[in-house]
């Protein structure tokens, strides 16, 4: 499996993260908590791109979900070795294949399970996994075992198509949302159409939705250049679709 150049490119977004860093199940995590009353038995597990907790875009996005009434947990999927933020602006700064070889999806799933176990011990009974780029892979893997109750992914990477889509259809009971875009080497038009073929049209009983954002490229939902009107519309549209999906299914 591999990642593409768009997986490590994009724009840093401005803002001040409002959540807190803490350890959950021994895993360093960023937690964004709603300022209003919210259901304590539900959590959104934010499975990040390769920049993890080092990119404030991820933290700001978690805060945005929290503002919509969800407690959000962003675990460090990379044991402190997420890509540095400046890799966004310095092409080739990181040897991506070597880095990916040290941070396989199996470890990300193991980390996620530690966090899930700790959350369940605190009374959480429903978890929605949202995966971005790299994070879509562990989101799917957790869904295969029905360890989460809903899954939403944006510009997913590392999926085997059609195998993972067929496995999702046959094994998972978690409703699925895919936020896709025009230019995406990791989940291109052919993969998007295959997802619709396998899961769409009512074939997947728990529920399947896919959005498509014209003028956007892989990474748009987290690292998109929001000075571009189409990218801004895609980022905001994917966020809105995901919030509505979580409200409906979690």
Protein backbone atom coordinates (compact mmCIF):
# COMPACT_ATOMS: atom_id res chain seq x y z
CA UNK A 1 0.00 0.00 0.00
CA UNK A 2 1.15 3.55 -0.64
CA UNK A 3 0.14 7.17 -0.32
CA UNK A 4 0.20 9.94 -2.93
CA UNK A 5 1.73 13.41 -3.04
CA UNK A 6 -1.64 14.99 -2.22
CA UNK A 7 -1.63 13.01 1.05
CA UNK A 8 1.15 15.28 2.31
CA UNK A 9 0.21 18.58 0.72
CA UNK A 10 -2.23 21.34 1.53
CA UNK A 11 -2.72 24.52 3.51
CA UNK A 12 -2.41 25.16 7.23
CA UNK A 13 -5.59 26.71 8.61
CA UNK A 14 -5.56 29.52 11.13
CA UNK A 15 -7.21 29.39 14.53
CA UNK A 16 -6.65 28.40 18.12
CA UNK A 17 -7.53 24.84 19.18
CA UNK A 18 -9.90 24.83 22.14
CA UNK A 19 -9.67 21.20 23.27
CA UNK A 20 -7.26 19.49 25.63
CA UNK A 21 -4.54 16.88 25.34
CA UNK A 22 -4.89 13.88 27.60
CA UNK A 23 -4.14 10.16 27.66
CA UNK A 24 -6.99 7.76 26.98
CA UNK A 25 -6.18 4.10 27.42
CA UNK A 26 -2.53 5.15 27.58
CA UNK A 27 -2.74 6.86 24.18
CA UNK A 28 -2.02 10.57 23.79
CA UNK A 29 -5.21 12.14 22.48
CA UNK A 30 -6.81 15.48 21.75
CA UNK A 31 -10.29 15.81 23.18
CA UNK A 32 -12.80 18.41 22.02
CA UNK A 33 -15.83 18.67 24.30
CA UNK A 34 -19.08 20.52 23.56
CA UNK A 35 -19.75 23.59 25.70
CA UNK A 36 -23.43 22.62 25.83
CA UNK A 37 -25.11 19.53 27.23
CA UNK A 38 -24.36 16.46 25.12
CA UNK A 39 -25.00 12.69 25.27
CA UNK A 40 -22.27 11.17 27.43
CA UNK A 41 -22.76 7.72 25.90
CA UNK A 42 -21.68 8.87 22.42
CA UNK A 43 -18.25 9.77 21.08
CA UNK A 44 -16.84 10.64 17.67
CA UNK A 45 -13.50 8.93 17.08
CA UNK A 46 -11.52 11.20 14.75
CA UNK A 47 -9.00 9.09 12.80
CA UNK A 48 -6.63 11.56 11.23
CA UNK A 49 -4.48 11.96 8.18
CA UNK A 50 -0.72 11.40 8.40
CA UNK A 51 -0.16 14.72 10.21
CA UNK A 52 -2.14 13.63 13.24
CA UNK A 53 -1.93 15.80 16.32
CA UNK A 54 0.91 17.85 14.83
CA UNK A 55 -1.35 19.64 12.34
CA UNK A 56 -3.68 22.13 13.91
CA UNK A 57 -6.14 21.72 11.03
CA UNK A 58 -7.07 18.37 12.57
CA UNK A 59 -7.56 19.91 16.01
CA UNK A 60 -9.62 22.80 14.68
CA UNK A 61 -11.81 20.38 12.72
CA UNK A 62 -12.35 18.31 15.87
CA UNK A 63 -13.41 21.50 17.65
CA UNK A 64 -15.92 22.18 14.87
CA UNK A 65 -17.54 18.79 15.37
CA UNK A 66 -17.67 19.41 19.12
CA UNK A 67 -19.55 22.65 18.47
CA UNK A 68 -22.23 20.51 16.88
CA UNK A 69 -22.82 18.52 20.05
CA UNK A 70 -20.36 15.64 19.81
CA UNK A 71 -17.51 14.80 22.16
CA UNK A 72 -14.58 14.17 19.83
CA UNK A 73 -11.46 12.14 20.55
CA UNK A 74 -8.45 12.36 18.23
CA UNK A 75 -5.93 9.65 19.16
CA UNK A 76 -2.29 9.80 18.17
CA UNK A 77 -2.19 7.00 15.62
CA UNK A 78 1.55 7.32 15.06
CA UNK A 79 3.21 6.92 18.48
CA UNK A 80 4.41 10.52 18.47
CA UNK A 81 5.83 10.23 14.95
CA UNK A 82 3.17 11.94 12.82
CA UNK A 83 4.50 13.93 9.88
CA UNK A 84 5.64 17.44 10.82
CA UNK A 85 3.42 20.33 9.81
CA UNK A 86 6.14 21.92 7.69
CA UNK A 87 6.04 18.89 5.38
CA UNK A 88 2.99 20.61 3.87
CA UNK A 89 5.20 23.29 2.36
CA UNK A 90 8.42 21.35 1.78
CA UNK A 91 7.88 18.68 -0.91
CA UNK A 92 10.06 15.64 -0.34
CA UNK A 93 10.86 16.54 3.27
CA UNK A 94 9.68 13.10 4.36
CA UNK A 95 10.46 9.73 2.81
CA UNK A 96 6.82 8.70 2.70
CA UNK A 97 7.24 4.98 1.83
CA UNK A 98 9.73 4.52 4.68
CA UNK A 99 7.49 6.39 7.11
CA UNK A 100 4.45 4.39 6.07
CA UNK A 101 6.42 1.19 6.55
CA UNK A 102 6.81 2.12 10.22
CA UNK A 103 3.16 3.12 10.66
CA UNK A 104 1.01 0.42 9.16
CA UNK A 105 -2.75 0.43 9.56
CA UNK A 106 -2.53 -2.54 11.92
CA UNK A 107 -0.89 -0.36 14.56
CA UNK A 108 -3.46 2.40 14.04
CA UNK A 109 -6.24 -0.12 14.64
CA UNK A 110 -4.48 -1.40 17.77
CA UNK A 111 -4.21 2.16 19.10
CA UNK A 112 -7.85 2.86 18.25
CA UNK A 113 -8.96 -0.24 20.13
CA UNK A 114 -7.10 0.83 23.25
CA UNK A 115 -8.92 4.15 23.14
CA UNK A 116 -12.27 2.51 22.45
CA UNK A 117 -11.80 0.14 25.36
CA UNK A 118 -11.10 3.01 27.74
CA UNK A 119 -14.07 5.00 26.45
CA UNK A 120 -16.40 2.03 26.89
CA UNK A 121 -15.17 1.65 30.46
CA UNK A 122 -16.33 5.25 31.00
CA UNK A 123 -19.84 4.42 29.78
CA UNK A 124 -19.60 5.18 26.06
CA UNK A 125 -21.83 2.81 24.10
CA UNK A 126 -21.99 4.42 20.65
CA UNK A 127 -18.99 5.49 18.59
CA UNK A 128 -18.92 7.16 15.21
CA UNK A 129 -15.58 6.85 13.43
CA UNK A 130 -14.64 9.62 11.03
CA UNK A 131 -11.56 8.93 8.93
CA UNK A 132 -9.58 11.31 6.78
CA UNK A 133 -7.10 10.05 4.17
CA UNK A 134 -4.96 7.52 6.12
CA UNK A 135 -7.57 7.44 8.88
CA UNK A 136 -10.14 5.88 6.57
CA UNK A 137 -8.21 2.61 6.64
CA UNK A 138 -8.54 1.98 10.40
CA UNK A 139 -12.12 3.29 10.25
CA UNK A 140 -12.99 0.54 7.75
CA UNK A 141 -11.13 -2.07 9.78
CA UNK A 142 -13.06 -1.17 12.92
CA UNK A 143 -16.30 -1.31 10.94
CA UNK A 144 -15.51 -4.80 9.66
CA UNK A 145 -15.67 -6.03 13.25
CA UNK A 146 -18.63 -3.80 14.12
CA UNK A 147 -16.56 -2.05 16.77
CA UNK A 148 -18.08 1.30 15.79
CA UNK A 149 -21.68 2.19 15.04
CA UNK A 150 -21.25 4.62 12.13
CA UNK A 151 -18.43 5.50 9.72
CA UNK A 152 -17.81 8.63 7.67
CA UNK A 153 -14.66 9.01 5.59
CA UNK A 154 -13.28 11.76 3.39
CA UNK A 155 -10.87 11.22 0.50
CA UNK A 156 -9.98 7.73 1.80
CA UNK A 157 -6.54 6.21 1.31
CA UNK A 158 -5.12 2.68 1.56
CA UNK A 159 -8.39 0.94 0.66
CA UNK A 160 -8.36 -2.09 -1.61
CA UNK A 161 -11.11 -1.64 -4.21
CA UNK A 162 -13.34 -3.52 -4.68
CA UNK A 163 -12.29 -5.97 -1.91
CA UNK A 164 -12.75 -3.62 1.04
CA UNK A 165 -16.06 -2.34 -0.27
CA UNK A 166 -17.34 -5.88 -0.70
CA UNK A 167 -16.11 -6.79 2.78
CA UNK A 168 -17.84 -3.74 4.22
CA UNK A 169 -21.08 -4.72 2.52
CA UNK A 170 -20.93 -8.30 3.78
CA UNK A 171 -19.59 -7.80 7.32
CA UNK A 172 -20.36 -4.34 8.65
CA UNK A 173 -23.58 -3.08 10.18
CA UNK A 174 -22.32 0.50 10.42
CA UNK A 175 -23.92 3.09 8.08
CA UNK A 176 -21.30 4.56 5.76
CA UNK A 177 -20.73 8.03 4.31
CA UNK A 178 -17.96 8.70 1.79
CA UNK A 179 -17.04 12.30 0.97
CA UNK A 180 -15.31 12.11 -2.40
CA UNK A 181 -13.88 14.62 -4.86
CA UNK A 182 -12.86 15.27 -8.45
CA UNK A 183 -9.09 14.74 -8.25
CA UNK A 184 -8.13 11.83 -6.03
CA UNK A 185 -5.48 9.31 -6.95
CA UNK A 186 -6.22 7.30 -3.81
CA UNK A 187 -10.01 7.07 -4.39
CA UNK A 188 -10.55 7.97 -8.03
CA UNK A 189 -13.74 8.11 -10.04
CA UNK A 190 -13.59 4.37 -10.77
CA UNK A 191 -13.45 3.56 -7.05
CA UNK A 192 -16.25 6.01 -6.32
CA UNK A 193 -18.45 4.37 -8.92
CA UNK A 194 -17.58 0.92 -7.60
CA UNK A 195 -18.64 2.01 -4.09
CA UNK A 196 -21.99 3.14 -5.46
CA UNK A 197 -22.37 -0.12 -7.37
CA UNK A 198 -21.66 -2.30 -4.33
CA UNK A 199 -23.29 -0.26 -1.56
CA UNK A 200 -25.71 2.14 -3.24
CA UNK A 201 -29.28 1.87 -4.39
CA UNK A 202 -30.42 0.39 -1.10
CA UNK A 203 -28.13 -2.63 -1.41
CA UNK A 204 -26.44 -1.89 1.92
CA UNK A 205 -29.29 -2.03 4.42
CA UNK A 206 -27.66 -0.06 7.27
CA UNK A 207 -27.31 2.94 4.93
CA UNK A 208 -24.85 4.33 2.41
CA UNK A 209 -24.27 7.88 1.20
CA UNK A 210 -21.64 9.51 -0.99
CA UNK A 211 -21.01 13.16 -1.64
CA UNK A 212 -18.91 14.42 -4.56
CA UNK A 213 -17.13 17.76 -4.63
CA UNK A 214 -16.22 19.23 -7.99
CA UNK A 215 -13.02 21.27 -8.16
CA UNK A 216 -11.54 19.60 -5.07
CA UNK A 217 -8.58 17.28 -4.71
CA UNK A 218 -7.50 14.67 -2.21
CA UNK A 219 -7.09 16.27 1.22
CA UNK A 220 -9.72 18.96 0.67
CA UNK A 221 -11.73 18.19 3.83
CA UNK A 222 -8.74 18.83 6.11
CA UNK A 223 -5.99 20.67 4.25
CA UNK A 224 -7.84 22.35 1.40
CA UNK A 225 -7.05 25.91 0.31
CA UNK A 226 -10.22 27.64 1.48
CA UNK A 227 -9.32 30.79 -0.44
CA UNK A 228 -10.51 28.79 -3.46
CA UNK A 229 -14.34 29.04 -3.52
CA UNK A 230 -14.82 25.48 -4.80
CA UNK A 231 -12.51 24.01 -2.17
CA UNK A 232 -14.17 26.07 0.55
CA UNK A 233 -17.57 24.81 -0.59
CA UNK A 234 -16.27 21.24 -0.62
CA UNK A 235 -14.71 21.43 2.83
CA UNK A 236 -17.80 23.02 4.36
CA UNK A 237 -20.14 20.72 2.43
CA UNK A 238 -18.33 17.56 3.51
CA UNK A 239 -18.36 18.78 7.11
CA UNK A 240 -22.09 19.52 6.99
CA UNK A 241 -22.84 16.16 5.38
CA UNK A 242 -20.82 14.38 8.08
CA UNK A 243 -22.52 16.23 10.94
CA UNK A 244 -25.95 15.41 9.52
CA UNK A 245 -24.92 11.80 8.99
CA UNK A 246 -23.71 11.48 12.59
CA UNK A 247 -26.84 13.08 13.99
CA UNK A 248 -28.93 10.61 11.98
CA UNK A 249 -26.93 7.47 12.68
CA UNK A 250 -25.23 7.82 16.05
